N, C-alpha and C. Protein backbone atom coordinates (compact mmCIF):
# COMPACT_ATOMS: atom_id res chain seq x y z
N MET A 1 7.76 -2.94 -18.83
CA MET A 1 8.48 -3.35 -17.63
C MET A 1 7.66 -4.43 -16.93
N SER A 2 8.30 -5.50 -16.56
CA SER A 2 7.60 -6.57 -15.84
C SER A 2 7.24 -6.11 -14.43
N ARG A 3 6.33 -6.85 -13.81
CA ARG A 3 5.97 -6.52 -12.42
C ARG A 3 7.19 -6.64 -11.51
N CYS A 4 8.01 -7.67 -11.72
CA CYS A 4 9.20 -7.84 -10.89
C CYS A 4 10.17 -6.68 -11.08
N ALA A 5 10.34 -6.24 -12.31
CA ALA A 5 11.22 -5.08 -12.56
C ALA A 5 10.65 -3.83 -11.90
N HIS A 6 9.33 -3.70 -11.91
CA HIS A 6 8.70 -2.54 -11.26
C HIS A 6 8.93 -2.58 -9.75
N ILE A 7 8.84 -3.75 -9.16
CA ILE A 7 9.10 -3.89 -7.72
C ILE A 7 10.54 -3.47 -7.41
N CYS A 8 11.48 -3.90 -8.24
CA CYS A 8 12.88 -3.51 -8.03
C CYS A 8 13.06 -2.01 -8.20
N LEU A 9 12.37 -1.41 -9.16
CA LEU A 9 12.41 0.04 -9.33
C LEU A 9 11.90 0.74 -8.08
N MET A 10 10.81 0.26 -7.53
CA MET A 10 10.25 0.88 -6.33
C MET A 10 11.17 0.71 -5.12
N ALA A 11 11.85 -0.43 -5.03
CA ALA A 11 12.81 -0.63 -3.95
C ALA A 11 13.98 0.34 -4.09
N ASP A 12 14.44 0.53 -5.33
CA ASP A 12 15.50 1.50 -5.60
C ASP A 12 15.06 2.91 -5.23
N TYR A 13 13.85 3.28 -5.64
CA TYR A 13 13.31 4.60 -5.32
C TYR A 13 13.21 4.80 -3.81
N ASN A 14 12.74 3.79 -3.11
CA ASN A 14 12.65 3.84 -1.65
C ASN A 14 14.02 4.14 -1.04
N GLN A 15 15.04 3.41 -1.47
CA GLN A 15 16.38 3.60 -0.92
C GLN A 15 16.91 5.00 -1.25
N TRP A 16 16.73 5.44 -2.48
CA TRP A 16 17.20 6.76 -2.93
C TRP A 16 16.54 7.87 -2.12
N MET A 17 15.23 7.78 -1.97
CA MET A 17 14.51 8.82 -1.23
C MET A 17 14.83 8.80 0.26
N ASN A 18 14.93 7.63 0.85
CA ASN A 18 15.27 7.58 2.27
C ASN A 18 16.65 8.17 2.52
N ALA A 19 17.60 7.92 1.61
CA ALA A 19 18.94 8.51 1.76
C ALA A 19 18.84 10.03 1.77
N LYS A 20 18.03 10.59 0.89
CA LYS A 20 17.86 12.05 0.82
C LYS A 20 17.18 12.59 2.07
N VAL A 21 16.12 11.95 2.49
CA VAL A 21 15.36 12.41 3.65
C VAL A 21 16.19 12.31 4.93
N TYR A 22 16.87 11.20 5.12
CA TYR A 22 17.67 11.03 6.34
C TYR A 22 18.87 11.97 6.36
N ALA A 23 19.50 12.21 5.21
CA ALA A 23 20.61 13.17 5.16
C ALA A 23 20.11 14.57 5.52
N ALA A 24 18.96 14.93 5.00
CA ALA A 24 18.38 16.24 5.32
C ALA A 24 18.01 16.32 6.79
N ALA A 25 17.41 15.27 7.31
CA ALA A 25 17.01 15.26 8.72
C ALA A 25 18.23 15.37 9.64
N ALA A 26 19.32 14.73 9.25
CA ALA A 26 20.54 14.77 10.07
C ALA A 26 21.15 16.17 10.12
N SER A 27 20.78 17.01 9.15
CA SER A 27 21.33 18.38 9.12
C SER A 27 20.57 19.35 10.03
N LEU A 28 19.46 18.91 10.59
CA LEU A 28 18.66 19.79 11.43
C LEU A 28 19.35 20.09 12.76
N ALA A 29 19.03 21.24 13.30
CA ALA A 29 19.55 21.63 14.62
C ALA A 29 18.98 20.69 15.68
N PRO A 30 19.70 20.53 16.79
CA PRO A 30 19.20 19.67 17.88
C PRO A 30 17.77 20.06 18.29
N GLY A 31 16.95 19.05 18.48
CA GLY A 31 15.57 19.27 18.90
C GLY A 31 14.58 19.43 17.76
N GLU A 32 15.07 19.73 16.56
CA GLU A 32 14.17 19.95 15.42
C GLU A 32 13.52 18.65 14.94
N LEU A 33 14.22 17.53 15.08
CA LEU A 33 13.64 16.24 14.67
C LEU A 33 12.39 15.91 15.47
N GLN A 34 12.41 16.24 16.75
CA GLN A 34 11.31 15.91 17.66
C GLN A 34 10.27 17.03 17.76
N ARG A 35 10.53 18.15 17.12
CA ARG A 35 9.64 19.31 17.25
C ARG A 35 8.25 18.99 16.68
N GLU A 36 7.23 19.27 17.46
CA GLU A 36 5.83 19.09 17.02
C GLU A 36 5.57 20.08 15.89
N ARG A 37 5.10 19.56 14.76
CA ARG A 37 4.86 20.40 13.58
C ARG A 37 3.43 20.29 13.07
N GLY A 38 2.56 19.67 13.85
CA GLY A 38 1.17 19.58 13.43
C GLY A 38 0.91 18.54 12.35
N ALA A 39 1.87 17.67 12.12
CA ALA A 39 1.70 16.61 11.12
C ALA A 39 0.90 15.46 11.73
N PHE A 40 0.51 14.51 10.89
CA PHE A 40 -0.30 13.40 11.36
C PHE A 40 0.37 12.67 12.52
N PHE A 41 1.69 12.47 12.43
CA PHE A 41 2.42 11.82 13.52
C PHE A 41 3.16 12.84 14.39
N GLY A 42 2.90 14.10 14.18
CA GLY A 42 3.45 15.16 15.01
C GLY A 42 4.78 15.69 14.51
N SER A 43 5.82 14.92 14.69
CA SER A 43 7.18 15.38 14.37
C SER A 43 7.75 14.62 13.18
N LEU A 44 8.86 15.15 12.68
CA LEU A 44 9.58 14.46 11.62
C LEU A 44 10.07 13.10 12.11
N LEU A 45 10.62 13.07 13.32
CA LEU A 45 11.12 11.82 13.88
C LEU A 45 10.01 10.77 13.97
N ALA A 46 8.85 11.17 14.46
CA ALA A 46 7.73 10.23 14.60
C ALA A 46 7.24 9.76 13.23
N THR A 47 7.28 10.63 12.24
CA THR A 47 6.87 10.26 10.88
C THR A 47 7.83 9.22 10.30
N LEU A 48 9.13 9.47 10.44
CA LEU A 48 10.13 8.52 9.94
C LEU A 48 10.04 7.20 10.69
N ASN A 49 9.78 7.27 11.99
CA ASN A 49 9.61 6.06 12.79
C ASN A 49 8.41 5.25 12.29
N HIS A 50 7.31 5.92 12.00
CA HIS A 50 6.11 5.22 11.52
C HIS A 50 6.40 4.46 10.22
N VAL A 51 7.13 5.08 9.31
CA VAL A 51 7.47 4.40 8.06
C VAL A 51 8.29 3.14 8.36
N MET A 52 9.23 3.25 9.29
CA MET A 52 10.06 2.10 9.64
C MET A 52 9.23 1.01 10.32
N VAL A 53 8.31 1.40 11.18
CA VAL A 53 7.41 0.42 11.81
C VAL A 53 6.57 -0.27 10.74
N GLY A 54 5.99 0.51 9.84
CA GLY A 54 5.19 -0.07 8.76
C GLY A 54 5.99 -1.03 7.91
N ASP A 55 7.20 -0.62 7.53
CA ASP A 55 8.06 -1.50 6.73
C ASP A 55 8.34 -2.80 7.47
N THR A 56 8.64 -2.71 8.75
CA THR A 56 8.95 -3.90 9.54
C THR A 56 7.76 -4.84 9.60
N LEU A 57 6.59 -4.30 9.90
CA LEU A 57 5.39 -5.13 10.00
C LEU A 57 5.06 -5.79 8.67
N TRP A 58 5.13 -5.03 7.58
CA TRP A 58 4.81 -5.62 6.27
C TRP A 58 5.83 -6.67 5.87
N LEU A 59 7.10 -6.40 6.09
CA LEU A 59 8.11 -7.41 5.74
C LEU A 59 7.93 -8.68 6.55
N GLN A 60 7.53 -8.54 7.81
CA GLN A 60 7.26 -9.73 8.62
C GLN A 60 6.05 -10.50 8.08
N ARG A 61 5.07 -9.79 7.58
CA ARG A 61 3.93 -10.48 6.95
C ARG A 61 4.37 -11.17 5.66
N TYR A 62 5.17 -10.47 4.85
CA TYR A 62 5.63 -11.05 3.59
C TYR A 62 6.50 -12.28 3.83
N ALA A 63 7.17 -12.33 4.96
CA ALA A 63 8.03 -13.47 5.29
C ALA A 63 7.23 -14.76 5.46
N LYS A 64 5.91 -14.64 5.59
CA LYS A 64 5.04 -15.82 5.73
C LYS A 64 4.54 -16.35 4.38
N HIS A 65 4.96 -15.71 3.30
CA HIS A 65 4.61 -16.16 1.95
C HIS A 65 5.15 -17.58 1.75
N PRO A 66 4.44 -18.44 1.03
CA PRO A 66 4.92 -19.81 0.80
C PRO A 66 6.30 -19.89 0.13
N ALA A 67 6.72 -18.82 -0.55
CA ALA A 67 8.05 -18.83 -1.18
C ALA A 67 9.16 -18.86 -0.14
N GLY A 68 8.82 -18.54 1.10
CA GLY A 68 9.81 -18.60 2.17
C GLY A 68 10.66 -17.35 2.30
N PHE A 69 11.14 -16.84 1.18
CA PHE A 69 11.98 -15.64 1.15
C PHE A 69 13.06 -15.65 2.24
N PRO A 70 14.08 -16.51 2.10
CA PRO A 70 15.14 -16.58 3.11
C PRO A 70 15.82 -15.24 3.37
N LEU A 71 15.81 -14.34 2.38
CA LEU A 71 16.43 -13.03 2.60
C LEU A 71 15.72 -12.23 3.69
N LEU A 72 14.49 -12.64 4.02
CA LEU A 72 13.76 -11.95 5.08
C LEU A 72 14.00 -12.58 6.46
N ASP A 73 14.88 -13.56 6.55
CA ASP A 73 15.17 -14.18 7.85
C ASP A 73 15.55 -13.15 8.92
N PRO A 74 16.38 -12.14 8.60
CA PRO A 74 16.73 -11.16 9.64
C PRO A 74 15.51 -10.39 10.17
N ILE A 75 14.53 -10.16 9.33
CA ILE A 75 13.34 -9.41 9.76
C ILE A 75 12.45 -10.28 10.63
N ARG A 76 12.49 -11.59 10.40
CA ARG A 76 11.73 -12.52 11.24
C ARG A 76 12.22 -12.48 12.68
N ALA A 77 13.50 -12.18 12.87
CA ALA A 77 14.12 -12.18 14.20
C ALA A 77 13.78 -10.94 15.02
N ILE A 78 13.19 -9.93 14.39
CA ILE A 78 12.86 -8.68 15.08
C ILE A 78 11.50 -8.84 15.77
N THR A 79 11.42 -8.43 17.01
CA THR A 79 10.13 -8.44 17.71
C THR A 79 9.19 -7.47 17.01
N PRO A 80 8.00 -7.93 16.62
CA PRO A 80 7.07 -7.03 15.92
C PRO A 80 6.71 -5.82 16.78
N PRO A 81 6.70 -4.63 16.18
CA PRO A 81 6.25 -3.45 16.94
C PRO A 81 4.81 -3.67 17.41
N ALA A 82 4.52 -3.19 18.61
CA ALA A 82 3.20 -3.39 19.21
C ALA A 82 2.16 -2.43 18.64
N SER A 83 2.62 -1.32 18.07
CA SER A 83 1.68 -0.35 17.49
C SER A 83 2.37 0.38 16.34
N LEU A 84 1.58 1.09 15.54
CA LEU A 84 2.12 1.82 14.40
C LEU A 84 2.91 3.06 14.81
N THR A 85 2.84 3.41 16.09
CA THR A 85 3.56 4.58 16.58
C THR A 85 4.64 4.22 17.61
N GLN A 86 4.87 2.95 17.85
CA GLN A 86 5.87 2.54 18.83
C GLN A 86 7.25 3.04 18.42
N PRO A 87 7.91 3.84 19.26
CA PRO A 87 9.27 4.29 18.91
C PRO A 87 10.22 3.09 18.86
N LEU A 88 10.96 2.98 17.77
CA LEU A 88 11.91 1.89 17.61
C LEU A 88 13.30 2.26 18.11
N PHE A 89 13.57 3.57 18.21
CA PHE A 89 14.87 4.07 18.67
C PHE A 89 14.64 5.27 19.57
N ALA A 90 15.55 5.48 20.50
CA ALA A 90 15.47 6.66 21.37
C ALA A 90 15.60 7.91 20.52
N ALA A 91 14.85 8.94 20.88
CA ALA A 91 14.87 10.19 20.12
C ALA A 91 16.28 10.76 20.00
N GLU A 92 17.11 10.50 20.99
CA GLU A 92 18.48 11.03 20.99
C GLU A 92 19.42 10.21 20.11
N ASP A 93 18.97 9.09 19.58
CA ASP A 93 19.85 8.20 18.83
C ASP A 93 19.44 8.11 17.37
N PHE A 94 19.38 9.28 16.72
CA PHE A 94 19.01 9.32 15.31
C PHE A 94 20.04 8.56 14.46
N ALA A 95 21.30 8.56 14.87
CA ALA A 95 22.33 7.84 14.11
C ALA A 95 22.01 6.34 14.05
N ALA A 96 21.55 5.77 15.15
CA ALA A 96 21.18 4.34 15.15
C ALA A 96 19.96 4.10 14.27
N MET A 97 19.01 5.02 14.34
CA MET A 97 17.81 4.90 13.50
C MET A 97 18.21 4.97 12.02
N HIS A 98 19.10 5.91 11.69
CA HIS A 98 19.56 6.06 10.32
C HIS A 98 20.29 4.79 9.85
N ALA A 99 21.15 4.25 10.70
CA ALA A 99 21.87 3.01 10.35
C ALA A 99 20.89 1.86 10.10
N HIS A 100 19.86 1.77 10.92
CA HIS A 100 18.86 0.71 10.73
C HIS A 100 18.10 0.92 9.43
N ARG A 101 17.81 2.19 9.10
CA ARG A 101 17.11 2.49 7.84
C ARG A 101 17.96 2.06 6.66
N LEU A 102 19.27 2.33 6.71
CA LEU A 102 20.17 1.91 5.63
C LEU A 102 20.16 0.39 5.48
N TRP A 103 20.21 -0.31 6.62
CA TRP A 103 20.18 -1.78 6.60
C TRP A 103 18.85 -2.28 6.02
N LEU A 104 17.76 -1.69 6.48
CA LEU A 104 16.43 -2.11 6.04
C LEU A 104 16.26 -1.87 4.54
N ASP A 105 16.72 -0.72 4.06
CA ASP A 105 16.58 -0.42 2.63
C ASP A 105 17.39 -1.38 1.77
N GLN A 106 18.58 -1.77 2.22
CA GLN A 106 19.36 -2.74 1.45
C GLN A 106 18.69 -4.11 1.49
N LEU A 107 18.11 -4.47 2.62
CA LEU A 107 17.36 -5.72 2.72
C LEU A 107 16.20 -5.71 1.72
N ILE A 108 15.49 -4.60 1.62
CA ILE A 108 14.36 -4.48 0.69
C ILE A 108 14.85 -4.62 -0.74
N ILE A 109 15.97 -3.98 -1.08
CA ILE A 109 16.54 -4.08 -2.43
C ILE A 109 16.87 -5.54 -2.76
N ASP A 110 17.59 -6.19 -1.86
CA ASP A 110 18.02 -7.58 -2.11
C ASP A 110 16.82 -8.51 -2.19
N TRP A 111 15.86 -8.34 -1.29
CA TRP A 111 14.68 -9.19 -1.28
C TRP A 111 13.84 -8.97 -2.54
N ALA A 112 13.66 -7.71 -2.93
CA ALA A 112 12.87 -7.41 -4.13
C ALA A 112 13.44 -8.13 -5.35
N ALA A 113 14.75 -8.19 -5.44
CA ALA A 113 15.39 -8.85 -6.58
C ALA A 113 15.18 -10.37 -6.56
N SER A 114 14.78 -10.91 -5.42
CA SER A 114 14.57 -12.36 -5.32
C SER A 114 13.13 -12.78 -5.63
N ILE A 115 12.22 -11.83 -5.72
CA ILE A 115 10.81 -12.14 -5.97
C ILE A 115 10.63 -12.55 -7.42
N THR A 116 9.85 -13.60 -7.64
CA THR A 116 9.58 -14.07 -9.00
C THR A 116 8.14 -13.74 -9.39
N GLU A 117 7.89 -13.76 -10.68
CA GLU A 117 6.53 -13.52 -11.18
C GLU A 117 5.54 -14.50 -10.57
N ASN A 118 5.96 -15.76 -10.38
CA ASN A 118 5.06 -16.76 -9.80
C ASN A 118 4.65 -16.42 -8.37
N ASP A 119 5.50 -15.68 -7.66
CA ASP A 119 5.19 -15.30 -6.28
C ASP A 119 4.07 -14.26 -6.20
N LEU A 120 3.89 -13.48 -7.25
CA LEU A 120 3.08 -12.26 -7.15
C LEU A 120 1.58 -12.47 -7.10
N ASP A 121 1.08 -13.55 -7.67
CA ASP A 121 -0.37 -13.76 -7.71
C ASP A 121 -0.91 -14.51 -6.49
N HIS A 122 -0.04 -14.92 -5.61
CA HIS A 122 -0.45 -15.64 -4.40
C HIS A 122 -1.32 -14.74 -3.52
N LEU A 123 -2.35 -15.34 -2.92
CA LEU A 123 -3.16 -14.63 -1.93
C LEU A 123 -2.48 -14.81 -0.58
N LEU A 124 -2.08 -13.71 0.02
CA LEU A 124 -1.34 -13.76 1.28
C LEU A 124 -2.29 -13.55 2.46
N ASP A 125 -2.26 -14.48 3.38
CA ASP A 125 -3.03 -14.35 4.62
C ASP A 125 -2.17 -13.60 5.63
N TYR A 126 -2.77 -12.61 6.28
CA TYR A 126 -2.07 -11.87 7.33
C TYR A 126 -3.10 -11.29 8.28
N ARG A 127 -2.61 -10.82 9.38
CA ARG A 127 -3.47 -10.23 10.41
C ARG A 127 -2.95 -8.83 10.70
N ASN A 128 -3.89 -7.88 10.84
CA ASN A 128 -3.52 -6.55 11.31
C ASN A 128 -4.46 -6.17 12.45
N SER A 129 -4.45 -4.91 12.85
CA SER A 129 -5.25 -4.48 14.00
C SER A 129 -6.75 -4.62 13.77
N LYS A 130 -7.16 -4.76 12.51
CA LYS A 130 -8.58 -4.90 12.20
C LYS A 130 -9.00 -6.36 12.04
N GLY A 131 -8.03 -7.28 12.13
CA GLY A 131 -8.36 -8.70 12.03
C GLY A 131 -7.68 -9.39 10.88
N PRO A 132 -8.19 -10.60 10.52
CA PRO A 132 -7.57 -11.38 9.45
C PRO A 132 -7.88 -10.80 8.07
N ASN A 133 -6.92 -10.99 7.16
CA ASN A 133 -7.03 -10.51 5.78
C ASN A 133 -6.44 -11.54 4.84
N ARG A 134 -6.87 -11.49 3.59
CA ARG A 134 -6.28 -12.29 2.52
C ARG A 134 -6.33 -11.41 1.27
N ARG A 135 -5.13 -11.06 0.78
CA ARG A 135 -5.05 -10.17 -0.39
C ARG A 135 -3.94 -10.64 -1.32
N GLU A 136 -4.05 -10.19 -2.57
CA GLU A 136 -3.05 -10.53 -3.58
C GLU A 136 -1.69 -9.92 -3.20
N PHE A 137 -0.67 -10.73 -3.26
CA PHE A 137 0.67 -10.33 -2.84
C PHE A 137 1.19 -9.13 -3.62
N PHE A 138 1.03 -9.12 -4.94
CA PHE A 138 1.52 -7.99 -5.74
C PHE A 138 0.86 -6.69 -5.29
N SER A 139 -0.43 -6.71 -5.07
CA SER A 139 -1.13 -5.50 -4.62
C SER A 139 -0.65 -5.06 -3.24
N LEU A 140 -0.35 -6.02 -2.38
CA LEU A 140 0.19 -5.69 -1.06
C LEU A 140 1.58 -5.06 -1.18
N LEU A 141 2.37 -5.51 -2.14
CA LEU A 141 3.68 -4.88 -2.37
C LEU A 141 3.51 -3.45 -2.85
N MET A 142 2.53 -3.22 -3.71
CA MET A 142 2.29 -1.85 -4.18
C MET A 142 1.84 -0.97 -3.02
N HIS A 143 1.04 -1.53 -2.11
CA HIS A 143 0.65 -0.77 -0.91
C HIS A 143 1.88 -0.41 -0.08
N PHE A 144 2.77 -1.36 0.11
CA PHE A 144 4.01 -1.17 0.87
C PHE A 144 4.78 0.04 0.34
N PHE A 145 5.02 0.07 -0.96
CA PHE A 145 5.78 1.18 -1.55
C PHE A 145 4.97 2.48 -1.55
N ASN A 146 3.67 2.39 -1.76
CA ASN A 146 2.83 3.59 -1.73
C ASN A 146 2.81 4.19 -0.32
N HIS A 147 2.74 3.35 0.69
CA HIS A 147 2.75 3.82 2.08
C HIS A 147 4.03 4.60 2.37
N GLN A 148 5.16 4.06 1.92
CA GLN A 148 6.44 4.76 2.11
C GLN A 148 6.41 6.13 1.44
N THR A 149 5.96 6.16 0.20
CA THR A 149 5.94 7.41 -0.56
C THR A 149 5.02 8.43 0.09
N HIS A 150 3.87 7.99 0.53
CA HIS A 150 2.90 8.88 1.18
C HIS A 150 3.53 9.57 2.39
N HIS A 151 4.13 8.79 3.27
CA HIS A 151 4.68 9.39 4.49
C HIS A 151 6.00 10.12 4.25
N ARG A 152 6.76 9.72 3.23
CA ARG A 152 7.95 10.52 2.89
C ARG A 152 7.54 11.87 2.34
N GLY A 153 6.39 11.93 1.66
CA GLY A 153 5.87 13.22 1.22
C GLY A 153 5.59 14.12 2.42
N GLN A 154 5.02 13.54 3.46
CA GLN A 154 4.80 14.31 4.69
C GLN A 154 6.14 14.74 5.28
N ALA A 155 7.12 13.83 5.29
CA ALA A 155 8.44 14.16 5.84
C ALA A 155 9.10 15.28 5.05
N SER A 156 8.96 15.27 3.72
CA SER A 156 9.58 16.34 2.93
C SER A 156 8.92 17.68 3.21
N THR A 157 7.61 17.67 3.49
CA THR A 157 6.92 18.90 3.88
C THR A 157 7.44 19.39 5.22
N LEU A 158 7.62 18.50 6.17
CA LEU A 158 8.15 18.88 7.48
C LEU A 158 9.57 19.43 7.36
N LEU A 159 10.37 18.83 6.50
CA LEU A 159 11.72 19.35 6.27
C LEU A 159 11.66 20.73 5.62
N SER A 160 10.76 20.91 4.68
CA SER A 160 10.58 22.22 4.05
C SER A 160 10.18 23.28 5.08
N GLN A 161 9.28 22.90 5.99
CA GLN A 161 8.89 23.82 7.05
C GLN A 161 10.08 24.20 7.93
N ALA A 162 11.04 23.30 8.03
CA ALA A 162 12.24 23.55 8.83
C ALA A 162 13.33 24.26 8.02
N GLY A 163 13.01 24.59 6.75
CA GLY A 163 13.96 25.32 5.91
C GLY A 163 14.94 24.46 5.15
N VAL A 164 14.64 23.16 5.01
CA VAL A 164 15.54 22.24 4.31
C VAL A 164 14.87 21.74 3.03
N ASP A 165 15.56 21.92 1.90
CA ASP A 165 15.07 21.44 0.61
C ASP A 165 15.79 20.14 0.28
N ILE A 166 15.03 19.07 0.06
CA ILE A 166 15.68 17.78 -0.24
C ILE A 166 15.87 17.56 -1.74
N GLY A 167 15.47 18.52 -2.55
CA GLY A 167 15.68 18.40 -3.99
C GLY A 167 14.60 17.56 -4.66
N ASP A 168 14.95 17.03 -5.83
CA ASP A 168 14.00 16.24 -6.62
C ASP A 168 13.56 15.00 -5.85
N THR A 169 12.26 14.73 -5.94
CA THR A 169 11.70 13.57 -5.24
C THR A 169 10.87 12.67 -6.14
N ASP A 170 10.76 13.00 -7.39
CA ASP A 170 9.88 12.24 -8.28
C ASP A 170 10.47 10.89 -8.68
N LEU A 171 9.61 9.89 -8.71
CA LEU A 171 9.99 8.56 -9.19
C LEU A 171 10.57 8.65 -10.60
N LEU A 172 10.11 9.61 -11.37
CA LEU A 172 10.57 9.79 -12.75
C LEU A 172 12.10 9.78 -12.85
N PHE A 173 12.76 10.32 -11.84
CA PHE A 173 14.22 10.40 -11.87
C PHE A 173 14.90 9.04 -11.70
N ARG A 174 14.16 8.02 -11.32
CA ARG A 174 14.71 6.67 -11.16
C ARG A 174 14.28 5.73 -12.29
N ILE A 175 13.32 6.16 -13.11
CA ILE A 175 12.87 5.34 -14.24
C ILE A 175 13.89 5.48 -15.37
N PRO A 176 14.40 4.37 -15.88
CA PRO A 176 15.40 4.46 -16.95
C PRO A 176 14.84 5.20 -18.17
N ASN A 177 15.66 6.10 -18.71
CA ASN A 177 15.31 6.84 -19.92
C ASN A 177 15.94 6.10 -21.09
N HIS A 178 15.13 5.70 -22.05
CA HIS A 178 15.62 4.87 -23.15
C HIS A 178 15.96 5.67 -24.40
N ILE A 179 16.07 6.99 -24.27
CA ILE A 179 16.50 7.81 -25.40
C ILE A 179 18.03 7.78 -25.44
N ALA A 180 18.58 7.42 -26.60
CA ALA A 180 20.04 7.37 -26.74
C ALA A 180 20.59 8.79 -26.75
N ASP A 181 21.72 8.96 -26.08
CA ASP A 181 22.36 10.29 -26.05
C ASP A 181 23.04 10.60 -27.36
């Protein structure tokens, strides 16, 4: 599998898993999304918010790649979150947060399909809370998807604690099986 195909696989996995997590979260009783559960970000809502903040910040950094990535124009128009924990939506408006997640995941799918092999070896300059950085774009993309997976793992644990099973979560279920039936 090429690196570009792997990026598209990870974008697909991200969308698939977010659909499962958000559907499960929407089934919780009122107040359960915001309930403190002792997780790194406290609640399920705060954990899901952090993933969305991280995705937004990284996509805004990726938009500065010399390739331009016109598909990221909508993300350029969003005011960057001021912190990794800044709430992007009111706690009472999970439906709006879910709708934004659906939009963001489709944007990631479409953008991932536009990335070329030539784009991947570029050293991307960006700034975070620790200062200036310059890293290989492909490795930064792998960090992006790994970050999502890491925190969705936390979210699935929080859902399990709330009595909700989201089912299979392994990337394996999204990797094409080449055995003929």
